[in-house]
Amino acid sequence: MTQESFRQRRCVACEGLSSPMGEEEVRRHLESFPGWQLDPTGKKISKSYRFPNFVAAFEFLKQVADIAELEQHHPDLHLERYRHVVIDLWTHAIGGLSENDWIVAAKIDQILDGSGR
């Protein structure tokens, strides 16, 4: 599935999900998500961004927060050293990755046209 196909979808309630995606499916999705990394446990994906200044980093975080609220699927957001942003995505309710994480990742990438920084 491509990023574009995930962008067209909406997140589903996490309480209705039963188990996380398998490793093979996760690795297949990662191929379509440049810059996203699987953590060593295989339960989260993360992406790092660098911005020219604090205001630009914070504006990006605000846009991510708007997506998270719209989708009702909330990533862990980290602002470090005033202009470095790290986003961690995983579905807390199932202790691993679900389609919701890929939907939100695709929509986050769209903010910067998938380029990251």
Foldseek 3Di string as FASTA:
>chain_A
DALVVLQVDAADDLVPDDAADDQVVVVVHVVRQPQWDQDPVQAKIKHKAFDPFLVVQVVLVVVLVVLCVVRVADWDWDQPPRGMIMTIHGRPSHRGHDSNRSSSSSVSCVVVVVPGD
